[in-house]
PDB file of N, CA and C in Angstrom:
ATOM      1  N   MET A   1      20.327  -5.410  10.002  1.00  0.00           N
ATOM      2  CA  MET A   1      20.298  -6.717  10.428  1.00  0.00           C
ATOM      3  C   MET A   1      19.053  -7.406   9.855  1.00  0.00           C
ATOM      4  N   VAL A   2      17.971  -6.880   9.917  1.00  0.00           N
ATOM      5  CA  VAL A   2      16.637  -7.550   9.429  1.00  0.00           C
ATOM      6  C   VAL A   2      16.928  -7.971   7.943  1.00  0.00           C
ATOM      7  N   GLU A   3      17.349  -7.182   7.245  1.00  0.00           N
ATOM      8  CA  GLU A   3      17.543  -7.588   5.706  1.00  0.00           C
ATOM      9  C   GLU A   3      18.407  -8.636   5.640  1.00  0.00           C
ATOM     10  N   GLU A   4      19.491  -8.707   6.504  1.00  0.00           N
ATOM     11  CA  GLU A   4      20.591  -9.871   6.428  1.00  0.00           C
ATOM     12  C   GLU A   4      19.872 -11.008   6.802  1.00  0.00           C
ATOM     13  N   VAL A   5      19.063 -11.150   7.945  1.00  0.00           N
ATOM     14  CA  VAL A   5      18.268 -12.236   8.272  1.00  0.00           C
ATOM     15  C   VAL A   5      17.381 -12.739   7.242  1.00  0.00           C
ATOM     16  N   ASN A   6      16.708 -11.902   6.648  1.00  0.00           N
ATOM     17  CA  ASN A   6      15.745 -12.262   5.423  1.00  0.00           C
ATOM     18  C   ASN A   6      16.613 -12.852   4.545  1.00  0.00           C
ATOM     19  N   ARG A   7      17.882 -12.411   3.915  1.00  0.00           N
ATOM     20  CA  ARG A   7      18.488 -12.928   2.929  1.00  0.00           C
ATOM     21  C   ARG A   7      18.947 -14.354   3.299  1.00  0.00           C
ATOM     22  N   HIS A   8      19.191 -14.482   4.456  1.00  0.00           N
ATOM     23  CA  HIS A   8      19.777 -15.908   4.949  1.00  0.00           C
ATOM     24  C   HIS A   8      18.645 -16.838   4.936  1.00  0.00           C
ATOM     25  N   CYS A   9      17.339 -16.451   5.035  1.00  0.00           N
ATOM     26  CA  CYS A   9      16.192 -17.347   5.212  1.00  0.00           C
ATOM     27  C   CYS A   9      15.371 -17.427   3.857  1.00  0.00           C
ATOM     28  N   LEU A  10      15.899 -16.960   2.816  1.00  0.00           N
ATOM     29  CA  LEU A  10      15.202 -17.006   1.492  1.00  0.00           C
ATOM     30  C   LEU A  10      14.691 -18.383   1.138  1.00  0.00           C
ATOM     31  N   ASP A  11      15.369 -19.421   1.466  1.00  0.00           N
ATOM     32  CA  ASP A  11      14.920 -20.732   1.083  1.00  0.00           C
ATOM     33  C   ASP A  11      13.868 -21.436   2.103  1.00  0.00           C
ATOM     34  N   TRP A  12      13.654 -20.799   3.271  1.00  0.00           N
ATOM     35  CA  TRP A  12      12.764 -21.308   4.126  1.00  0.00           C
ATOM     36  C   TRP A  12      11.324 -21.246   3.724  1.00  0.00           C
ATOM     37  N   PRO A  13      10.497 -21.936   4.084  1.00  0.00           N
ATOM     38  CA  PRO A  13       9.018 -21.876   3.634  1.00  0.00           C
ATOM     39  C   PRO A  13       8.444 -20.441   4.166  1.00  0.00           C
ATOM     40  N   GLN A  14       7.636 -19.942   3.236  1.00  0.00           N
ATOM     41  CA  GLN A  14       7.112 -18.721   3.525  1.00  0.00           C
ATOM     42  C   GLN A  14       6.313 -18.623   4.852  1.00  0.00           C
ATOM     43  N   GLY A  15       6.443 -17.568   5.554  1.00  0.00           N
ATOM     44  CA  GLY A  15       5.740 -17.564   6.907  1.00  0.00           C
ATOM     45  C   GLY A  15       6.442 -18.060   8.214  1.00  0.00           C
ATOM     46  N   THR A  16       7.592 -18.703   7.789  1.00  0.00           N
ATOM     47  CA  THR A  16       8.476 -19.261   8.915  1.00  0.00           C
ATOM     48  C   THR A  16       9.179 -18.223   9.654  1.00  0.00           C
ATOM     49  N   VAL A  17       9.691 -17.174   9.091  1.00  0.00           N
ATOM     50  CA  VAL A  17      10.326 -16.083   9.694  1.00  0.00           C
ATOM     51  C   VAL A  17       9.395 -15.013   9.796  1.00  0.00           C
ATOM     52  N   HIS A  18       9.378 -14.435  10.932  1.00  0.00           N
ATOM     53  CA  HIS A  18       8.555 -13.147  11.365  1.00  0.00           C
ATOM     54  C   HIS A  18       9.573 -11.978  11.762  1.00  0.00           C
ATOM     55  N   VAL A  19       9.477 -10.836  11.295  1.00  0.00           N
ATOM     56  CA  VAL A  19      10.348  -9.820  11.716  1.00  0.00           C
ATOM     57  C   VAL A  19       9.341  -8.649  12.091  1.00  0.00           C
ATOM     58  N   GLU A  20       9.798  -7.813  12.922  1.00  0.00           N
ATOM     59  CA  GLU A  20       8.992  -6.670  13.125  1.00  0.00           C
ATOM     60  C   GLU A  20       9.737  -5.281  12.703  1.00  0.00           C
ATOM     61  N   HIS A  21       9.085  -4.407  12.024  1.00  0.00           N
ATOM     62  CA  HIS A  21       9.760  -3.236  11.541  1.00  0.00           C
ATOM     63  C   HIS A  21       9.282  -2.019  12.352  1.00  0.00           C
ATOM     64  N   PHE A  22      10.166  -0.989  12.619  1.00  0.00           N
ATOM     65  CA  PHE A  22       9.817   0.170  13.349  1.00  0.00           C
ATOM     66  C   PHE A  22       9.873   1.248  12.667  1.00  0.00           C
ATOM     67  N   SER A  23      10.290   1.310  11.455  1.00  0.00           N
ATOM     68  CA  SER A  23      10.320   2.467  10.512  1.00  0.00           C
ATOM     69  C   SER A  23      10.353   1.987   9.127  1.00  0.00           C
ATOM     70  N   SER A  24       9.926   2.723   8.052  1.00  0.00           N
ATOM     71  CA  SER A  24       9.794   2.257   6.598  1.00  0.00           C
ATOM     72  C   SER A  24      10.313   3.394   5.886  1.00  0.00           C
ATOM     73  N   VAL A  25      11.573   3.171   5.168  1.00  0.00           N
ATOM     74  CA  VAL A  25      11.975   4.144   4.156  1.00  0.00           C
ATOM     75  C   VAL A  25      11.201   4.181   2.889  1.00  0.00           C
ATOM     76  N   ARG A  26      10.682   3.003   2.518  1.00  0.00           N
ATOM     77  CA  ARG A  26       9.830   2.937   1.296  1.00  0.00           C
ATOM     78  C   ARG A  26       8.778   3.617   1.122  1.00  0.00           C
ATOM     79  N   ALA A  27       8.154   3.914   2.428  1.00  0.00           N
ATOM     80  CA  ALA A  27       6.836   4.639   2.451  1.00  0.00           C
ATOM     81  C   ALA A  27       6.987   6.151   2.195  1.00  0.00           C
ATOM     82  N   THR A  28       8.196   6.666   2.156  1.00  0.00           N
ATOM     83  CA  THR A  28       8.493   7.996   1.760  1.00  0.00           C
ATOM     84  C   THR A  28       8.190   8.311   0.553  1.00  0.00           C
ATOM     85  N   LEU A  29       7.317   9.317   0.178  1.00  0.00           N
ATOM     86  CA  LEU A  29       7.093   9.889  -1.250  1.00  0.00           C
ATOM     87  C   LEU A  29       8.113  10.816  -1.777  1.00  0.00           C
ATOM     88  N   ASP A  30       8.503  10.642  -3.031  1.00  0.00           N
ATOM     89  CA  ASP A  30       9.335  11.722  -3.716  1.00  0.00           C
ATOM     90  C   ASP A  30       8.466  12.168  -4.864  1.00  0.00           C
ATOM     91  N   SER A  31       7.963  13.303  -4.779  1.00  0.00           N
ATOM     92  CA  SER A  31       7.135  13.816  -5.787  1.00  0.00           C
ATOM     93  C   SER A  31       7.748  14.000  -7.124  1.00  0.00           C
ATOM     94  N   GLY A  32       9.053  13.914  -7.179  1.00  0.00           N
ATOM     95  CA  GLY A  32       9.764  14.144  -8.429  1.00  0.00           C
ATOM     96  C   GLY A  32       9.773  12.806  -9.078  1.00  0.00           C
ATOM     97  N   LYS A  33       9.662  11.689  -8.361  1.00  0.00           N
ATOM     98  CA  LYS A  33       9.847  10.429  -8.980  1.00  0.00           C
ATOM     99  C   LYS A  33       8.467   9.695  -9.068  1.00  0.00           C
ATOM    100  N   GLU A  34       7.492  10.139  -8.519  1.00  0.00           N
ATOM    101  CA  GLU A  34       6.252   9.321  -8.489  1.00  0.00           C
ATOM    102  C   GLU A  34       5.329   9.752  -9.626  1.00  0.00           C
ATOM    103  N   GLU A  35       4.489   8.774  -9.939  1.00  0.00           N
ATOM    104  CA  GLU A  35       3.427   9.086 -11.014  1.00  0.00           C
ATOM    105  C   GLU A  35       2.088   9.302 -10.291  1.00  0.00           C
ATOM    106  N   SER A  36       1.210  10.128 -10.904  1.00  0.00           N
ATOM    107  CA  SER A  36      -0.169  10.173 -10.412  1.00  0.00           C
ATOM    108  C   SER A  36      -0.913   9.000 -10.887  1.00  0.00           C
ATOM    109  N   PHE A  37      -1.932   8.586 -10.193  1.00  0.00           N
ATOM    110  CA  PHE A  37      -2.771   7.494 -10.609  1.00  0.00           C
ATOM    111  C   PHE A  37      -4.257   7.779 -10.169  1.00  0.00           C
ATOM    112  N   GLU A  38      -5.170   6.941 -10.736  1.00  0.00           N
ATOM    113  CA  GLU A  38      -6.690   7.208 -10.720  1.00  0.00           C
ATOM    114  C   GLU A  38      -7.124   5.949  -9.809  1.00  0.00           C
ATOM    115  N   ALA A  39      -7.813   6.180  -8.759  1.00  0.00           N
ATOM    116  CA  ALA A  39      -8.438   5.116  -7.862  1.00  0.00           C
ATOM    117  C   ALA A  39     -10.013   5.298  -8.091  1.00  0.00           C
ATOM    118  N   SER A  40     -10.592   4.365  -8.711  1.00  0.00           N
ATOM    119  CA  SER A  40     -11.998   4.312  -8.978  1.00  0.00           C
ATOM    120  C   SER A  40     -12.657   3.546  -7.722  1.00  0.00           C
ATOM    121  N   LEU A  41     -13.617   4.253  -7.194  1.00  0.00           N
ATOM    122  CA  LEU A  41     -14.222   3.702  -5.927  1.00  0.00           C
ATOM    123  C   LEU A  41     -15.596   3.115  -6.344  1.00  0.00           C
ATOM    124  N   LYS A  42     -15.587   1.790  -6.428  1.00  0.00           N
ATOM    125  CA  LYS A  42     -16.858   1.072  -7.051  1.00  0.00           C
ATOM    126  C   LYS A  42     -18.093   1.404  -6.186  1.00  0.00           C
ATOM    127  N   ASP A  43     -17.967   1.282  -4.703  1.00  0.00           N
ATOM    128  CA  ASP A  43     -19.102   1.301  -3.880  1.00  0.00           C
ATOM    129  C   ASP A  43     -19.694   2.897  -3.878  1.00  0.00           C
ATOM    130  N   SER A  44     -18.639   3.785  -3.948  1.00  0.00           N
ATOM    131  CA  SER A  44     -19.022   5.349  -3.929  1.00  0.00           C
ATOM    132  C   SER A  44     -19.400   5.791  -5.186  1.00  0.00           C
ATOM    133  N   LYS A  45     -19.127   5.161  -6.248  1.00  0.00           N
ATOM    134  CA  LYS A  45     -19.432   5.501  -7.628  1.00  0.00           C
ATOM    135  C   LYS A  45     -18.792   6.818  -8.138  1.00  0.00           C
ATOM    136  N   PHE A  46     -17.403   6.963  -7.668  1.00  0.00           N
ATOM    137  CA  PHE A  46     -16.556   8.009  -8.264  1.00  0.00           C
ATOM    138  C   PHE A  46     -15.123   7.762  -8.167  1.00  0.00           C
ATOM    139  N   SER A  47     -14.324   8.587  -8.680  1.00  0.00           N
ATOM    140  CA  SER A  47     -12.868   8.199  -8.647  1.00  0.00           C
ATOM    141  C   SER A  47     -12.126   9.379  -8.034  1.00  0.00           C
ATOM    142  N   VAL A  48     -10.960   9.133  -7.489  1.00  0.00           N
ATOM    143  CA  VAL A  48     -10.092  10.240  -6.997  1.00  0.00           C
ATOM    144  C   VAL A  48      -8.711  10.063  -7.822  1.00  0.00           C
ATOM    145  N   VAL A  49      -8.065  11.163  -8.196  1.00  0.00           N
ATOM    146  CA  VAL A  49      -6.798  11.151  -8.799  1.00  0.00           C
ATOM    147  C   VAL A  49      -5.776  11.473  -7.558  1.00  0.00           C
ATOM    148  N   VAL A  50      -4.777  10.646  -7.396  1.00  0.00           N
ATOM    149  CA  VAL A  50      -3.794  10.832  -6.518  1.00  0.00           C
ATOM    150  C   VAL A  50      -2.537  11.487  -7.059  1.00  0.00           C
ATOM    151  N   ALA A  51      -2.178  12.537  -6.565  1.00  0.00           N
ATOM    152  CA  ALA A  51      -1.134  13.204  -7.310  1.00  0.00           C
ATOM    153  C   ALA A  51       0.308  12.657  -6.833  1.00  0.00           C
ATOM    154  N   PRO A  52       1.312  12.957  -7.611  1.00  0.00           N
ATOM    155  CA  PRO A  52       2.656  12.355  -7.283  1.00  0.00           C
ATOM    156  C   PRO A  52       3.061  12.453  -5.742  1.00  0.00           C
ATOM    157  N   GLY A  53       2.791  13.632  -5.044  1.00  0.00           N
ATOM    158  CA  GLY A  53       3.407  13.803  -3.839  1.00  0.00           C
ATOM    159  C   GLY A  53       2.367  13.667  -2.679  1.00  0.00           C
ATOM    160  N   GLU A  54       1.228  12.882  -3.096  1.00  0.00           N
ATOM    161  CA  GLU A  54       0.147  12.658  -2.237  1.00  0.00           C
ATOM    162  C   GLU A  54      -0.030  11.080  -2.020  1.00  0.00           C
ATOM    163  N   THR A  55      -0.450  10.750  -0.926  1.00  0.00           N
ATOM    164  CA  THR A  55      -0.929   9.468  -0.725  1.00  0.00           C
ATOM    165  C   THR A  55      -2.244   8.999  -1.010  1.00  0.00           C
ATOM    166  N   LEU A  56      -2.586   7.912  -1.168  1.00  0.00           N
ATOM    167  CA  LEU A  56      -3.910   7.436  -1.525  1.00  0.00           C
ATOM    168  C   LEU A  56      -4.860   7.780  -0.328  1.00  0.00           C
ATOM    169  N   LEU A  57      -4.322   7.517   1.027  1.00  0.00           N
ATOM    170  CA  LEU A  57      -5.057   7.726   2.156  1.00  0.00           C
ATOM    171  C   LEU A  57      -5.465   9.184   2.155  1.00  0.00           C
ATOM    172  N   HIS A  58      -4.544  10.165   1.765  1.00  0.00           N
ATOM    173  CA  HIS A  58      -4.715  11.505   1.858  1.00  0.00           C
ATOM    174  C   HIS A  58      -5.950  11.971   0.797  1.00  0.00           C
ATOM    175  N   ALA A  59      -5.741  11.301  -0.346  1.00  0.00           N
ATOM    176  CA  ALA A  59      -6.802  11.714  -1.458  1.00  0.00           C
ATOM    177  C   ALA A  59      -8.150  11.168  -0.983  1.00  0.00           C
ATOM    178  N   LEU A  60      -8.259  10.010  -0.462  1.00  0.00           N
ATOM    179  CA  LEU A  60      -9.531   9.395   0.107  1.00  0.00           C
ATOM    180  C   LEU A  60     -10.105  10.364   1.013  1.00  0.00           C
ATOM    181  N   ARG A  61      -9.347  10.733   2.089  1.00  0.00           N
ATOM    182  CA  ARG A  61      -9.962  11.577   3.197  1.00  0.00           C
ATOM    183  C   ARG A  61     -10.337  12.922   2.481  1.00  0.00           C
ATOM    184  N   ALA A  62      -9.635  13.578   1.580  1.00  0.00           N
ATOM    185  CA  ALA A  62     -10.013  14.807   0.893  1.00  0.00           C
ATOM    186  C   ALA A  62     -11.390  14.456   0.111  1.00  0.00           C
ATOM    187  N   ALA A  63     -11.611  13.339  -0.297  1.00  0.00           N
ATOM    188  CA  ALA A  63     -12.812  13.136  -1.017  1.00  0.00           C
ATOM    189  C   ALA A  63     -14.046  12.683  -0.067  1.00  0.00           C
ATOM    190  N   GLY A  64     -13.737  12.737   1.333  1.00  0.00           N
ATOM    191  CA  GLY A  64     -14.682  12.472   2.209  1.00  0.00           C
ATOM    192  C   GLY A  64     -14.911  11.103   2.554  1.00  0.00           C
ATOM    193  N   ILE A  65     -13.975  10.177   2.071  1.00  0.00           N
ATOM    194  CA  ILE A  65     -13.968   8.683   2.416  1.00  0.00           C
ATOM    195  C   ILE A  65     -13.060   8.527   3.691  1.00  0.00           C
ATOM    196  N   ASP A  66     -13.652   8.045   4.776  1.00  0.00           N
ATOM    197  CA  ASP A  66     -13.097   7.980   6.013  1.00  0.00           C
ATOM    198  C   ASP A  66     -12.460   6.507   6.015  1.00  0.00           C
ATOM    199  N   VAL A  67     -11.150   6.519   6.115  1.00  0.00           N
ATOM    200  CA  VAL A  67     -10.186   5.274   6.159  1.00  0.00           C
ATOM    201  C   VAL A  67      -9.430   5.612   7.381  1.00  0.00           C
ATOM    202  N   ALA A  68      -9.504   4.488   8.159  1.00  0.00           N
ATOM    203  CA  ALA A  68      -8.669   4.513   9.476  1.00  0.00           C
ATOM    204  C   ALA A  68      -7.260   4.131   9.263  1.00  0.00           C
ATOM    205  N   SER A  69      -6.524   4.916  10.128  1.00  0.00           N
ATOM    206  CA  SER A  69      -5.043   4.687  10.007  1.00  0.00           C
ATOM    207  C   SER A  69      -4.346   4.855  11.321  1.00  0.00           C
ATOM    208  N   ASP A  70      -3.168   4.491  11.455  1.00  0.00           N
ATOM    209  CA  ASP A  70      -2.416   4.564  12.763  1.00  0.00           C
ATOM    210  C   ASP A  70      -0.984   5.154  12.466  1.00  0.00           C
ATOM    211  N   CYS A  71      -0.029   4.271  11.823  1.00  0.00           N
ATOM    212  CA  CYS A  71       1.209   4.497  11.720  1.00  0.00           C
ATOM    213  C   CYS A  71       1.632   5.456  10.527  1.00  0.00           C
ATOM    214  N   GLU A  72       0.777   5.302   9.454  1.00  0.00           N
ATOM    215  CA  GLU A  72       0.950   5.865   8.236  1.00  0.00           C
ATOM    216  C   GLU A  72       2.354   5.775   7.638  1.00  0.00           C
ATOM    217  N   GLU A  73       3.014   4.555   7.956  1.00  0.00           N
ATOM    218  CA  GLU A  73       4.226   4.131   7.316  1.00  0.00           C
ATOM    219  C   GLU A  73       4.174   2.990   6.663  1.00  0.00           C
ATOM    220  N   GLY A  74       3.063   2.293   6.576  1.00  0.00           N
ATOM    221  CA  GLY A  74       2.960   0.827   5.989  1.00  0.00           C
ATOM    222  C   GLY A  74       3.436  -0.208   6.859  1.00  0.00           C
ATOM    223  N   LEU A  75       3.369   0.050   8.338  1.00  0.00           N
ATOM    224  CA  LEU A  75       3.902  -0.855   9.221  1.00  0.00           C
ATOM    225  C   LEU A  75       2.757  -1.753   9.899  1.00  0.00           C
ATOM    226  N   CYS A  76       1.586  -0.955  10.141  1.00  0.00           N
ATOM    227  CA  CYS A  76       0.507  -1.730  11.115  1.00  0.00           C
ATOM    228  C   CYS A  76      -0.676  -2.391  10.316  1.00  0.00           C
ATOM    229  N   GLY A  77      -0.900  -1.999   9.078  1.00  0.00           N
ATOM    230  CA  GLY A  77      -2.026  -2.565   8.377  1.00  0.00           C
ATOM    231  C   GLY A  77      -3.375  -1.930   8.613  1.00  0.00           C
ATOM    232  N   THR A  78      -3.500  -0.918   9.414  1.00  0.00           N
ATOM    233  CA  THR A  78      -4.898  -0.313   9.706  1.00  0.00           C
ATOM    234  C   THR A  78      -5.506   0.294   8.616  1.00  0.00           C
ATOM    235  N   CYS A  79      -4.652   0.883   7.730  1.00  0.00           N
ATOM    236  CA  CYS A  79      -5.302   1.579   6.505  1.00  0.00           C
ATOM    237  C   CYS A  79      -5.544   0.657   5.273  1.00  0.00           C
ATOM    238  N   GLU A  80      -5.520  -0.700   5.432  1.00  0.00           N
ATOM    239  CA  GLU A  80      -5.751  -1.594   4.403  1.00  0.00           C
ATOM    240  C   GLU A  80      -7.221  -1.313   3.746  1.00  0.00           C
ATOM    241  N   VAL A  81      -7.052  -1.324   2.284  1.00  0.00           N
ATOM    242  CA  VAL A  81      -8.266  -1.136   1.447  1.00  0.00           C
ATOM    243  C   VAL A  81      -8.266  -2.382   0.441  1.00  0.00           C
ATOM    244  N   PRO A  82      -9.448  -2.808   0.136  1.00  0.00           N
ATOM    245  CA  PRO A  82      -9.750  -3.736  -0.725  1.00  0.00           C
ATOM    246  C   PRO A  82      -9.505  -3.399  -2.254  1.00  0.00           C
ATOM    247  N   VAL A  83      -8.662  -4.182  -2.939  1.00  0.00           N
ATOM    248  CA  VAL A  83      -8.454  -3.761  -4.230  1.00  0.00           C
ATOM    249  C   VAL A  83      -9.319  -4.829  -5.262  1.00  0.00           C
ATOM    250  N   LEU A  84      -9.985  -4.243  -6.066  1.00  0.00           N
ATOM    251  CA  LEU A  84     -10.855  -5.111  -7.136  1.00  0.00           C
ATOM    252  C   LEU A  84     -10.056  -5.286  -8.502  1.00  0.00           C
ATOM    253  N   TYR A  85      -9.337  -4.306  -8.838  1.00  0.00           N
ATOM    254  CA  TYR A  85      -8.712  -4.476 -10.141  1.00  0.00           C
ATOM    255  C   TYR A  85      -7.530  -3.461 -10.107  1.00  0.00           C
ATOM    256  N   GLY A  86      -6.440  -3.821 -10.849  1.00  0.00           N
ATOM    257  CA  GLY A  86      -5.338  -2.824 -11.197  1.00  0.00           C
ATOM    258  C   GLY A  86      -4.100  -3.298 -10.620  1.00  0.00           C
ATOM    259  N   GLU A  87      -3.086  -2.731 -11.034  1.00  0.00           N
ATOM    260  CA  GLU A  87      -1.766  -3.077 -10.465  1.00  0.00           C
ATOM    261  C   GLU A  87      -1.242  -2.231  -9.261  1.00  0.00           C
ATOM    262  N   VAL A  88      -0.843  -2.796  -8.336  1.00  0.00           N
ATOM    263  CA  VAL A  88      -0.442  -1.918  -7.134  1.00  0.00           C
ATOM    264  C   VAL A  88       1.154  -2.180  -6.968  1.00  0.00           C
ATOM    265  N   ASP A  89       1.592  -0.956  -6.509  1.00  0.00           N
ATOM    266  CA  ASP A  89       3.006  -0.774  -6.088  1.00  0.00           C
ATOM    267  C   ASP A  89       3.076  -0.766  -4.660  1.00  0.00           C
ATOM    268  N   HIS A  90       3.294  -2.100  -4.113  1.00  0.00           N
ATOM    269  CA  HIS A  90       3.079  -2.283  -2.731  1.00  0.00           C
ATOM    270  C   HIS A  90       4.428  -1.818  -2.091  1.00  0.00           C
ATOM    271  N   ARG A  91       4.261  -0.922  -0.946  1.00  0.00           N
ATOM    272  CA  ARG A  91       5.356  -0.399  -0.227  1.00  0.00           C
ATOM    273  C   ARG A  91       5.246  -0.602   1.171  1.00  0.00           C
ATOM    274  N   ASP A  92       4.427  -1.529   1.663  1.00  0.00           N
ATOM    275  CA  ASP A  92       4.193  -1.738   3.008  1.00  0.00           C
ATOM    276  C   ASP A  92       5.142  -2.847   3.429  1.00  0.00           C
ATOM    277  N   LYS A  93       4.974  -2.953   4.820  1.00  0.00           N
ATOM    278  CA  LYS A  93       5.753  -4.061   5.572  1.00  0.00           C
ATOM    279  C   LYS A  93       4.769  -5.010   6.060  1.00  0.00           C
ATOM    280  N   VAL A  94       3.642  -4.959   5.722  1.00  0.00           N
ATOM    281  CA  VAL A  94       2.495  -5.741   6.263  1.00  0.00           C
ATOM    282  C   VAL A  94       2.245  -6.902   5.545  1.00  0.00           C
ATOM    283  N   LEU A  95       1.980  -6.825   4.162  1.00  0.00           N
ATOM    284  CA  LEU A  95       1.670  -8.076   3.449  1.00  0.00           C
ATOM    285  C   LEU A  95       2.925  -8.819   3.169  1.00  0.00           C
ATOM    286  N   SER A  96       2.665 -10.286   2.975  1.00  0.00           N
ATOM    287  CA  SER A  96       3.583 -11.085   2.417  1.00  0.00           C
ATOM    288  C   SER A  96       3.767 -10.974   1.044  1.00  0.00           C
ATOM    289  N   GLY A  97       4.960 -11.562   0.567  1.00  0.00           N
ATOM    290  CA  GLY A  97       5.168 -11.661  -0.901  1.00  0.00           C
ATOM    291  C   GLY A  97       3.931 -12.267  -1.648  1.00  0.00           C
ATOM    292  N   GLU A  98       3.467 -13.265  -1.221  1.00  0.00           N
ATOM    293  CA  GLU A  98       2.256 -13.948  -1.786  1.00  0.00           C
ATOM    294  C   GLU A  98       1.114 -12.874  -1.983  1.00  0.00           C
ATOM    295  N   GLU A  99       0.867 -12.342  -0.836  1.00  0.00           N
ATOM    296  CA  GLU A  99      -0.357 -11.371  -0.764  1.00  0.00           C
ATOM    297  C   GLU A  99      -0.189 -10.223  -1.705  1.00  0.00           C
ATOM    298  N   LYS A 100       1.213  -9.731  -1.800  1.00  0.00           N
ATOM    299  CA  LYS A 100       1.478  -8.676  -2.602  1.00  0.00           C
ATOM    300  C   LYS A 100       1.178  -9.115  -4.083  1.00  0.00           C
ATOM    301  N   SER A 101       1.656 -10.256  -4.388  1.00  0.00           N
ATOM    302  CA  SER A 101       1.446 -10.655  -5.883  1.00  0.00           C
ATOM    303  C   SER A 101      -0.012 -10.915  -6.271  1.00  0.00           C
ATOM    304  N   ARG A 102      -0.886 -11.151  -5.214  1.00  0.00           N
ATOM    305  CA  ARG A 102      -2.299 -11.321  -5.548  1.00  0.00           C
ATOM    306  C   ARG A 102      -2.848  -9.997  -5.740  1.00  0.00           C
ATOM    307  N   SER A 103      -2.458  -8.939  -5.063  1.00  0.00           N
ATOM    308  CA  SER A 103      -2.982  -7.533  -5.109  1.00  0.00           C
ATOM    309  C   SER A 103      -4.467  -7.357  -4.924  1.00  0.00           C
ATOM    310  N   ILE A 104      -4.941  -8.054  -3.961  1.00  0.00           N
ATOM    311  CA  ILE A 104      -6.405  -7.880  -3.584  1.00  0.00           C
ATOM    312  C   ILE A 104      -6.658  -6.871  -2.383  1.00  0.00           C
ATOM    313  N   ARG A 105      -5.580  -6.381  -1.971  1.00  0.00           N
ATOM    314  CA  ARG A 105      -5.643  -5.359  -0.832  1.00  0.00           C
ATOM    315  C   ARG A 105      -4.269  -4.578  -0.859  1.00  0.00           C
ATOM    316  N   MET A 106      -4.390  -3.367  -0.342  1.00  0.00           N
ATOM    317  CA  MET A 106      -3.224  -2.448  -0.361  1.00  0.00           C
ATOM    318  C   MET A 106      -3.360  -1.494   0.873  1.00  0.00           C
ATOM    319  N   MET A 107      -2.258  -1.142   1.320  1.00  0.00           N
ATOM    320  CA  MET A 107      -2.110  -0.139   2.329  1.00  0.00           C
ATOM    321  C   MET A 107      -2.177   1.254   1.661  1.00  0.00           C
ATOM    322  N   ALA A 108      -3.226   2.046   2.205  1.00  0.00           N
ATOM    323  CA  ALA A 108      -3.572   3.412   1.559  1.00  0.00           C
ATOM    324  C   ALA A 108      -2.607   4.352   1.993  1.00  0.00           C
ATOM    325  N   CYS A 109      -1.820   4.158   3.055  1.00  0.00           N
ATOM    326  CA  CYS A 109      -0.834   5.196   3.460  1.00  0.00           C
ATOM    327  C   CYS A 109       0.480   5.412   2.647  1.00  0.00           C
ATOM    328  N   CYS A 110       0.701   4.202   2.002  1.00  0.00           N
ATOM    329  CA  CYS A 110       2.131   4.138   1.327  1.00  0.00           C
ATOM    330  C   CYS A 110       2.205   3.485   0.034  1.00  0.00           C
ATOM    331  N   SER A 111       1.211   2.466  -0.230  1.00  0.00           N
ATOM    332  CA  SER A 111       1.386   1.965  -1.599  1.00  0.00           C
ATOM    333  C   SER A 111       0.585   2.707  -2.571  1.00  0.00           C
ATOM    334  N   ARG A 112       0.954   2.513  -3.818  1.00  0.00           N
ATOM    335  CA  ARG A 112       0.394   3.362  -4.899  1.00  0.00           C
ATOM    336  C   ARG A 112      -0.076   2.455  -5.964  1.00  0.00           C
ATOM    337  N   GLY A 113      -0.912   3.010  -6.765  1.00  0.00           N
ATOM    338  CA  GLY A 113      -1.653   2.314  -7.821  1.00  0.00           C
ATOM    339  C   GLY A 113      -0.606   2.669  -9.156  1.00  0.00           C
ATOM    340  N   LYS A 114      -0.735   1.740 -10.242  1.00  0.00           N
ATOM    341  CA  LYS A 114      -0.048   1.968 -11.458  1.00  0.00           C
ATOM    342  C   LYS A 114      -1.205   2.267 -12.427  1.00  0.00           C
ATOM    343  N   GLY A 115      -1.195   3.390 -12.851  1.00  0.00           N
ATOM    344  CA  GLY A 115      -2.170   3.740 -13.785  1.00  0.00           C
ATOM    345  C   GLY A 115      -3.693   4.102 -13.161  1.00  0.00           C
ATOM    346  N   ARG A 116      -4.458   3.091 -13.433  1.00  0.00           N
ATOM    347  CA  ARG A 116      -5.792   3.024 -12.756  1.00  0.00           C
ATOM    348  C   ARG A 116      -6.032   1.943 -11.971  1.00  0.00           C
ATOM    349  N   ILE A 117      -6.598   2.119 -10.718  1.00  0.00           N
ATOM    350  CA  ILE A 117      -6.912   0.798  -9.791  1.00  0.00           C
ATOM    351  C   ILE A 117      -8.496   1.014  -9.445  1.00  0.00           C
ATOM    352  N   GLU A 118      -8.972  -0.051  -9.158  1.00  0.00           N
ATOM    353  CA  GLU A 118     -10.413   0.017  -8.585  1.00  0.00           C
ATOM    354  C   GLU A 118     -10.553  -0.466  -7.267  1.00  0.00           C
ATOM    355  N   LEU A 119     -11.182   0.118  -6.274  1.00  0.00           N
ATOM    356  CA  LEU A 119     -11.186  -0.207  -4.882  1.00  0.00           C
ATOM    357  C   LEU A 119     -12.592  -0.473  -4.473  1.00  0.00           C
ATOM    358  N   ALA A 120     -12.849  -1.364  -3.618  1.00  0.00           N
ATOM    359  CA  ALA A 120     -14.226  -1.710  -3.133  1.00  0.00           C
ATOM    360  C   ALA A 120     -14.428  -0.679  -1.971  1.00  0.00           C
ATOM    361  N   LEU A 121     -14.628   0.535  -2.130  1.00  0.00           N
ATOM    362  CA  LEU A 121     -14.902   1.530  -1.255  1.00  0.00           C
ATOM    363  C   LEU A 121     -16.193   2.485  -1.793  1.00  0.00           C
TER     364      LEU A 121
END
């Protein structure tokens, strides 16, 4: 139903329609279809490689970078990290289309980099 409402409101000004999601299918990883990517951490001066079946959030925590999270499905925005460079495959339900196109932040629990990205962490 939410998708149907969004389709009917495509011509409305951005931000006019607000919907709330309770689950996210896009946040599910399929390690057979995903690509690994590198996240360079500018402030910490090192990089992490995120495996196909792993989230950026998990890779950052494994490297000792504490990133807050709550839902871990791309619904709440708690795990937002600042992006300085690179292309992001946004899979969250938090950012607007305009925010996703700017790619200056991403949700570490579900979104992925394409190739190499740089984060302000």
